[in-house]
ModelCIF file with pLDDT and N, C-alpha, C, O atoms, coordinates in Angstrom:
data_MODEL
#
_entry.id   MODEL 
#
_entity.id                         1 
_entity.type                       polymer 
_entity.pdbx_number_of_molecules   1 
#
_entity_poly.entity_id                      1 
_entity_poly.type                           'polypeptide(L)' 
_entity_poly.nstd_linkage                   no 
_entity_poly.nstd_monomer                   no 
_entity_poly.pdbx_seq_one_letter_code       VVQWDKVYLQGKEELGSFTFQAALHSSGRIV 
_entity_poly.pdbx_seq_one_letter_code_can   VVQWDKVYLQGKEELGSFTFQAALHSSGRIV 
_entity_poly.pdbx_strand_id                 A 
#
loop_
_entity_poly_seq.entity_id 
_entity_poly_seq.num 
_entity_poly_seq.mon_id 
_entity_poly_seq.hetero 
1 1  VAL n 
1 2  VAL n 
1 3  GLN n 
1 4  TRP n 
1 5  ASP n 
1 6  LYS n 
1 7  VAL n 
1 8  TYR n 
1 9  LEU n 
1 10 GLN n 
1 11 GLY n 
1 12 LYS n 
1 13 GLU n 
1 14 GLU n 
1 15 LEU n 
1 16 GLY n 
1 17 SER n 
1 18 PHE n 
1 19 THR n 
1 20 PHE n 
1 21 GLN n 
1 22 ALA n 
1 23 ALA n 
1 24 LEU n 
1 25 HIS n 
1 26 SER n 
1 27 SER n 
1 28 GLY n 
1 29 ARG n 
1 30 ILE n 
1 31 VAL n 
#
_struct_asym.id          A 
_struct_asym.entity_id   1 
#
loop_
_ma_qa_metric.id 
_ma_qa_metric.mode 
_ma_qa_metric.name 
_ma_qa_metric.software_group_id 
_ma_qa_metric.type 
1 global pLDDT . pLDDT 
2 local  pLDDT . pLDDT 
#
_ma_qa_metric_global.metric_id      1 
_ma_qa_metric_global.metric_value   96.39 
_ma_qa_metric_global.model_id       1 
_ma_qa_metric_global.ordinal_id     1 
#
loop_
_ma_qa_metric_local.label_asym_id 
_ma_qa_metric_local.label_comp_id 
_ma_qa_metric_local.label_seq_id 
_ma_qa_metric_local.metric_id 
_ma_qa_metric_local.metric_value 
_ma_qa_metric_local.model_id 
_ma_qa_metric_local.ordinal_id 
A VAL 1  2 98.00 1 1  
A VAL 2  2 98.00 1 2  
A GLN 3  2 98.00 1 3  
A TRP 4  2 97.00 1 4  
A ASP 5  2 97.00 1 5  
A LYS 6  2 97.00 1 6  
A VAL 7  2 97.00 1 7  
A TYR 8  2 97.00 1 8  
A LEU 9  2 96.00 1 9  
A GLN 10 2 94.00 1 10 
A GLY 11 2 92.00 1 11 
A LYS 12 2 93.00 1 12 
A GLU 13 2 94.00 1 13 
A GLU 14 2 94.00 1 14 
A LEU 15 2 95.00 1 15 
A GLY 16 2 96.00 1 16 
A SER 17 2 97.00 1 17 
A PHE 18 2 98.00 1 18 
A THR 19 2 98.00 1 19 
A PHE 20 2 98.00 1 20 
A GLN 21 2 98.00 1 21 
A ALA 22 2 98.00 1 22 
A ALA 23 2 98.00 1 23 
A LEU 24 2 97.00 1 24 
A HIS 25 2 98.00 1 25 
A SER 26 2 96.00 1 26 
A SER 27 2 94.00 1 27 
A GLY 28 2 94.00 1 28 
A ARG 29 2 96.00 1 29 
A ILE 30 2 97.00 1 30 
A VAL 31 2 98.00 1 31 
#
loop_
_atom_site.group_PDB 
_atom_site.id 
_atom_site.type_symbol 
_atom_site.label_atom_id 
_atom_site.label_alt_id 
_atom_site.label_comp_id 
_atom_site.label_asym_id 
_atom_site.label_entity_id 
_atom_site.label_seq_id 
_atom_site.pdbx_PDB_ins_code 
_atom_site.Cartn_x 
_atom_site.Cartn_y 
_atom_site.Cartn_z 
_atom_site.occupancy 
_atom_site.B_iso_or_equiv 
_atom_site.pdbx_formal_charge 
_atom_site.auth_seq_id 
_atom_site.auth_comp_id 
_atom_site.auth_asym_id 
_atom_site.auth_atom_id 
_atom_site.pdbx_PDB_model_num 
ATOM 1   N N  . VAL A 1 1  ? -61.038 -5.793  3.943  1.00 98.00 ? 1  VAL A N  1 
ATOM 2   C CA . VAL A 1 1  ? -61.056 -6.908  4.646  1.00 98.00 ? 1  VAL A CA 1 
ATOM 3   C C  . VAL A 1 1  ? -59.677 -7.832  4.290  1.00 98.00 ? 1  VAL A C  1 
ATOM 4   O O  . VAL A 1 1  ? -59.134 -7.882  3.186  1.00 98.00 ? 1  VAL A O  1 
ATOM 5   N N  . VAL A 1 2  ? -59.280 -8.511  5.453  1.00 98.00 ? 2  VAL A N  1 
ATOM 6   C CA . VAL A 1 2  ? -58.352 -9.500  5.197  1.00 98.00 ? 2  VAL A CA 1 
ATOM 7   C C  . VAL A 1 2  ? -58.969 -10.536 6.110  1.00 98.00 ? 2  VAL A C  1 
ATOM 8   O O  . VAL A 1 2  ? -59.300 -10.310 7.274  1.00 98.00 ? 2  VAL A O  1 
ATOM 9   N N  . GLN A 1 3  ? -59.106 -11.793 5.429  1.00 98.00 ? 3  GLN A N  1 
ATOM 10  C CA . GLN A 1 3  ? -59.720 -13.111 6.091  1.00 98.00 ? 3  GLN A CA 1 
ATOM 11  C C  . GLN A 1 3  ? -58.619 -14.201 6.079  1.00 98.00 ? 3  GLN A C  1 
ATOM 12  O O  . GLN A 1 3  ? -58.133 -14.573 5.011  1.00 98.00 ? 3  GLN A O  1 
ATOM 13  N N  . TRP A 1 4  ? -58.251 -14.681 7.202  1.00 97.00 ? 4  TRP A N  1 
ATOM 14  C CA . TRP A 1 4  ? -57.377 -16.004 7.324  1.00 97.00 ? 4  TRP A CA 1 
ATOM 15  C C  . TRP A 1 4  ? -58.575 -17.130 7.248  1.00 97.00 ? 4  TRP A C  1 
ATOM 16  O O  . TRP A 1 4  ? -59.523 -17.040 8.028  1.00 97.00 ? 4  TRP A O  1 
ATOM 17  N N  . ASP A 1 5  ? -58.510 -18.045 6.415  1.00 97.00 ? 5  ASP A N  1 
ATOM 18  C CA . ASP A 1 5  ? -59.408 -18.935 6.536  1.00 97.00 ? 5  ASP A CA 1 
ATOM 19  C C  . ASP A 1 5  ? -59.075 -20.346 6.450  1.00 97.00 ? 5  ASP A C  1 
ATOM 20  O O  . ASP A 1 5  ? -58.491 -20.901 5.520  1.00 97.00 ? 5  ASP A O  1 
ATOM 21  N N  . LYS A 1 6  ? -59.512 -20.865 7.524  1.00 97.00 ? 6  LYS A N  1 
ATOM 22  C CA . LYS A 1 6  ? -58.767 -22.415 7.838  1.00 97.00 ? 6  LYS A CA 1 
ATOM 23  C C  . LYS A 1 6  ? -57.328 -22.543 7.929  1.00 97.00 ? 6  LYS A C  1 
ATOM 24  O O  . LYS A 1 6  ? -56.732 -23.424 7.309  1.00 97.00 ? 6  LYS A O  1 
ATOM 25  N N  . VAL A 1 7  ? -56.777 -21.755 8.630  1.00 97.00 ? 7  VAL A N  1 
ATOM 26  C CA . VAL A 1 7  ? -55.387 -21.704 8.702  1.00 97.00 ? 7  VAL A CA 1 
ATOM 27  C C  . VAL A 1 7  ? -55.023 -22.483 10.188 1.00 97.00 ? 7  VAL A C  1 
ATOM 28  O O  . VAL A 1 7  ? -55.680 -22.373 11.223 1.00 97.00 ? 7  VAL A O  1 
ATOM 29  N N  . TYR A 1 8  ? -53.833 -23.269 9.995  1.00 97.00 ? 8  TYR A N  1 
ATOM 30  C CA . TYR A 1 8  ? -53.293 -24.047 11.033 1.00 97.00 ? 8  TYR A CA 1 
ATOM 31  C C  . TYR A 1 8  ? -52.106 -23.423 11.827 1.00 97.00 ? 8  TYR A C  1 
ATOM 32  O O  . TYR A 1 8  ? -51.422 -22.523 11.341 1.00 97.00 ? 8  TYR A O  1 
ATOM 33  N N  . LEU A 1 9  ? -51.906 -23.899 12.974 1.00 96.00 ? 9  LEU A N  1 
ATOM 34  C CA . LEU A 1 9  ? -50.628 -23.391 13.776 1.00 96.00 ? 9  LEU A CA 1 
ATOM 35  C C  . LEU A 1 9  ? -49.604 -24.345 13.213 1.00 96.00 ? 9  LEU A C  1 
ATOM 36  O O  . LEU A 1 9  ? -49.940 -25.500 12.953 1.00 96.00 ? 9  LEU A O  1 
ATOM 37  N N  . GLN A 1 10 ? -48.474 -23.958 13.027 1.00 94.00 ? 10 GLN A N  1 
ATOM 38  C CA . GLN A 1 10 ? -47.338 -24.661 12.604 1.00 94.00 ? 10 GLN A CA 1 
ATOM 39  C C  . GLN A 1 10 ? -46.897 -25.844 13.605 1.00 94.00 ? 10 GLN A C  1 
ATOM 40  O O  . GLN A 1 10 ? -46.378 -25.572 14.688 1.00 94.00 ? 10 GLN A O  1 
ATOM 41  N N  . GLY A 1 11 ? -47.076 -26.866 13.288 1.00 92.00 ? 11 GLY A N  1 
ATOM 42  C CA . GLY A 1 11 ? -46.527 -28.044 14.265 1.00 92.00 ? 11 GLY A CA 1 
ATOM 43  C C  . GLY A 1 11 ? -47.624 -28.227 15.355 1.00 92.00 ? 11 GLY A C  1 
ATOM 44  O O  . GLY A 1 11 ? -47.320 -28.792 16.405 1.00 92.00 ? 11 GLY A O  1 
ATOM 45  N N  . LYS A 1 12 ? -48.783 -27.807 15.161 1.00 93.00 ? 12 LYS A N  1 
ATOM 46  C CA . LYS A 1 12 ? -49.931 -28.009 16.191 1.00 93.00 ? 12 LYS A CA 1 
ATOM 47  C C  . LYS A 1 12 ? -51.321 -28.227 15.313 1.00 93.00 ? 12 LYS A C  1 
ATOM 48  O O  . LYS A 1 12 ? -52.437 -27.876 15.696 1.00 93.00 ? 12 LYS A O  1 
ATOM 49  N N  . GLU A 1 13 ? -51.019 -28.880 14.060 1.00 94.00 ? 13 GLU A N  1 
ATOM 50  C CA . GLU A 1 13 ? -52.176 -28.737 13.033 1.00 94.00 ? 13 GLU A CA 1 
ATOM 51  C C  . GLU A 1 13 ? -53.207 -29.744 13.741 1.00 94.00 ? 13 GLU A C  1 
ATOM 52  O O  . GLU A 1 13 ? -54.379 -29.475 13.479 1.00 94.00 ? 13 GLU A O  1 
ATOM 53  N N  . GLU A 1 14 ? -53.045 -30.661 14.441 1.00 94.00 ? 14 GLU A N  1 
ATOM 54  C CA . GLU A 1 14 ? -53.913 -31.392 15.165 1.00 94.00 ? 14 GLU A CA 1 
ATOM 55  C C  . GLU A 1 14 ? -55.016 -30.546 16.107 1.00 94.00 ? 14 GLU A C  1 
ATOM 56  O O  . GLU A 1 14 ? -56.056 -31.091 16.476 1.00 94.00 ? 14 GLU A O  1 
ATOM 57  N N  . LEU A 1 15 ? -54.722 -29.305 16.422 1.00 95.00 ? 15 LEU A N  1 
ATOM 58  C CA . LEU A 1 15 ? -55.752 -28.414 17.091 1.00 95.00 ? 15 LEU A CA 1 
ATOM 59  C C  . LEU A 1 15 ? -56.842 -28.038 16.137 1.00 95.00 ? 15 LEU A C  1 
ATOM 60  O O  . LEU A 1 15 ? -57.900 -27.650 16.632 1.00 95.00 ? 15 LEU A O  1 
ATOM 61  N N  . GLY A 1 16 ? -56.743 -28.091 15.027 1.00 96.00 ? 16 GLY A N  1 
ATOM 62  C CA . GLY A 1 16 ? -57.628 -27.472 14.216 1.00 96.00 ? 16 GLY A CA 1 
ATOM 63  C C  . GLY A 1 16 ? -57.343 -26.279 13.552 1.00 96.00 ? 16 GLY A C  1 
ATOM 64  O O  . GLY A 1 16 ? -56.362 -25.624 13.905 1.00 96.00 ? 16 GLY A O  1 
ATOM 65  N N  . SER A 1 17 ? -58.198 -25.830 12.465 1.00 97.00 ? 17 SER A N  1 
ATOM 66  C CA . SER A 1 17 ? -57.952 -24.784 11.655 1.00 97.00 ? 17 SER A CA 1 
ATOM 67  C C  . SER A 1 17 ? -58.895 -23.433 12.342 1.00 97.00 ? 17 SER A C  1 
ATOM 68  O O  . SER A 1 17 ? -59.963 -23.520 12.949 1.00 97.00 ? 17 SER A O  1 
ATOM 69  N N  . PHE A 1 18 ? -58.203 -22.348 12.056 1.00 98.00 ? 18 PHE A N  1 
ATOM 70  C CA . PHE A 1 18 ? -58.638 -20.965 12.619 1.00 98.00 ? 18 PHE A CA 1 
ATOM 71  C C  . PHE A 1 18 ? -59.312 -20.193 11.322 1.00 98.00 ? 18 PHE A C  1 
ATOM 72  O O  . PHE A 1 18 ? -58.860 -20.280 10.180 1.00 98.00 ? 18 PHE A O  1 
ATOM 73  N N  . THR A 1 19 ? -60.369 -19.491 11.666 1.00 98.00 ? 19 THR A N  1 
ATOM 74  C CA . THR A 1 19 ? -60.732 -18.532 10.633 1.00 98.00 ? 19 THR A CA 1 
ATOM 75  C C  . THR A 1 19 ? -61.156 -17.471 11.217 1.00 98.00 ? 19 THR A C  1 
ATOM 76  O O  . THR A 1 19 ? -62.045 -17.513 12.067 1.00 98.00 ? 19 THR A O  1 
ATOM 77  N N  . PHE A 1 20 ? -60.508 -16.259 10.792 1.00 98.00 ? 20 PHE A N  1 
ATOM 78  C CA . PHE A 1 20 ? -60.936 -14.964 11.518 1.00 98.00 ? 20 PHE A CA 1 
ATOM 79  C C  . PHE A 1 20 ? -60.543 -13.847 10.472 1.00 98.00 ? 20 PHE A C  1 
ATOM 80  O O  . PHE A 1 20 ? -59.830 -14.140 9.512  1.00 98.00 ? 20 PHE A O  1 
ATOM 81  N N  . GLN A 1 21 ? -61.005 -12.593 10.661 1.00 98.00 ? 21 GLN A N  1 
ATOM 82  C CA . GLN A 1 21 ? -60.769 -11.482 9.730  1.00 98.00 ? 21 GLN A CA 1 
ATOM 83  C C  . GLN A 1 21 ? -60.590 -10.009 10.426 1.00 98.00 ? 21 GLN A C  1 
ATOM 84  O O  . GLN A 1 21 ? -60.843 -9.840  11.619 1.00 98.00 ? 21 GLN A O  1 
ATOM 85  N N  . ALA A 1 22 ? -60.246 -9.227  9.786  1.00 98.00 ? 22 ALA A N  1 
ATOM 86  C CA . ALA A 1 22 ? -59.916 -7.943  10.114 1.00 98.00 ? 22 ALA A CA 1 
ATOM 87  C C  . ALA A 1 22 ? -60.805 -6.987  8.887  1.00 98.00 ? 22 ALA A C  1 
ATOM 88  O O  . ALA A 1 22 ? -60.707 -7.272  7.693  1.00 98.00 ? 22 ALA A O  1 
ATOM 89  N N  . ALA A 1 23 ? -61.513 -6.037  9.297  1.00 98.00 ? 23 ALA A N  1 
ATOM 90  C CA . ALA A 1 23 ? -62.172 -5.109  8.616  1.00 98.00 ? 23 ALA A CA 1 
ATOM 91  C C  . ALA A 1 23 ? -61.762 -3.773  8.826  1.00 98.00 ? 23 ALA A C  1 
ATOM 92  O O  . ALA A 1 23 ? -61.910 -3.355  9.974  1.00 98.00 ? 23 ALA A O  1 
ATOM 93  N N  . LEU A 1 24 ? -61.180 -2.844  7.811  1.00 97.00 ? 24 LEU A N  1 
ATOM 94  C CA . LEU A 1 24 ? -60.898 -1.668  8.127  1.00 97.00 ? 24 LEU A CA 1 
ATOM 95  C C  . LEU A 1 24 ? -61.695 -0.751  7.149  1.00 97.00 ? 24 LEU A C  1 
ATOM 96  O O  . LEU A 1 24 ? -61.563 -0.726  5.926  1.00 97.00 ? 24 LEU A O  1 
ATOM 97  N N  . HIS A 1 25 ? -62.509 -0.034  7.876  1.00 98.00 ? 25 HIS A N  1 
ATOM 98  C CA . HIS A 1 25 ? -63.639 0.962   7.283  1.00 98.00 ? 25 HIS A CA 1 
ATOM 99  C C  . HIS A 1 25 ? -63.255 2.094   7.168  1.00 98.00 ? 25 HIS A C  1 
ATOM 100 O O  . HIS A 1 25 ? -62.882 2.630   8.212  1.00 98.00 ? 25 HIS A O  1 
ATOM 101 N N  . SER A 1 26 ? -63.193 2.864   5.945  1.00 96.00 ? 26 SER A N  1 
ATOM 102 C CA . SER A 1 26 ? -62.953 4.162   5.494  1.00 96.00 ? 26 SER A CA 1 
ATOM 103 C C  . SER A 1 26 ? -63.421 5.183   6.492  1.00 96.00 ? 26 SER A C  1 
ATOM 104 O O  . SER A 1 26 ? -62.953 6.319   6.408  1.00 96.00 ? 26 SER A O  1 
ATOM 105 N N  . SER A 1 27 ? -64.356 4.878   7.488  1.00 94.00 ? 27 SER A N  1 
ATOM 106 C CA . SER A 1 27 ? -64.660 5.792   8.492  1.00 94.00 ? 27 SER A CA 1 
ATOM 107 C C  . SER A 1 27 ? -63.804 5.822   9.637  1.00 94.00 ? 27 SER A C  1 
ATOM 108 O O  . SER A 1 27 ? -63.971 6.605   10.572 1.00 94.00 ? 27 SER A O  1 
ATOM 109 N N  . GLY A 1 28 ? -62.642 4.745   9.552  1.00 94.00 ? 28 GLY A N  1 
ATOM 110 C CA . GLY A 1 28 ? -61.885 4.653   10.804 1.00 94.00 ? 28 GLY A CA 1 
ATOM 111 C C  . GLY A 1 28 ? -62.044 3.562   11.646 1.00 94.00 ? 28 GLY A C  1 
ATOM 112 O O  . GLY A 1 28 ? -61.140 3.150   12.372 1.00 94.00 ? 28 GLY A O  1 
ATOM 113 N N  . ARG A 1 29 ? -63.352 2.989   11.569 1.00 96.00 ? 29 ARG A N  1 
ATOM 114 C CA . ARG A 1 29 ? -63.712 1.767   12.406 1.00 96.00 ? 29 ARG A CA 1 
ATOM 115 C C  . ARG A 1 29 ? -62.857 0.676   11.829 1.00 96.00 ? 29 ARG A C  1 
ATOM 116 O O  . ARG A 1 29 ? -62.527 0.606   10.645 1.00 96.00 ? 29 ARG A O  1 
ATOM 117 N N  . ILE A 1 30 ? -62.478 -0.302  12.931 1.00 97.00 ? 30 ILE A N  1 
ATOM 118 C CA . ILE A 1 30 ? -61.774 -1.537  12.560 1.00 97.00 ? 30 ILE A CA 1 
ATOM 119 C C  . ILE A 1 30 ? -62.689 -2.535  13.510 1.00 97.00 ? 30 ILE A C  1 
ATOM 120 O O  . ILE A 1 30 ? -62.983 -2.325  14.687 1.00 97.00 ? 30 ILE A O  1 
ATOM 121 N N  . VAL A 1 31 ? -63.043 -3.607  12.750 1.00 98.00 ? 31 VAL A N  1 
ATOM 122 C CA . VAL A 1 31 ? -63.790 -4.663  13.271 1.00 98.00 ? 31 VAL A CA 1 
ATOM 123 C C  . VAL A 1 31 ? -62.923 -6.137  13.147 1.00 98.00 ? 31 VAL A C  1 
ATOM 124 O O  . VAL A 1 31 ? -63.425 -7.184  13.557 1.00 98.00 ? 31 VAL A O  1 
#
């Protein structure tokens, strides 16, 4: 799992922070 937690867009920080993730399962599933 990789998680981007409270990251901001360069030069657009006033828009707020983003939190999202990618999970790569050994079965081949990606979420």
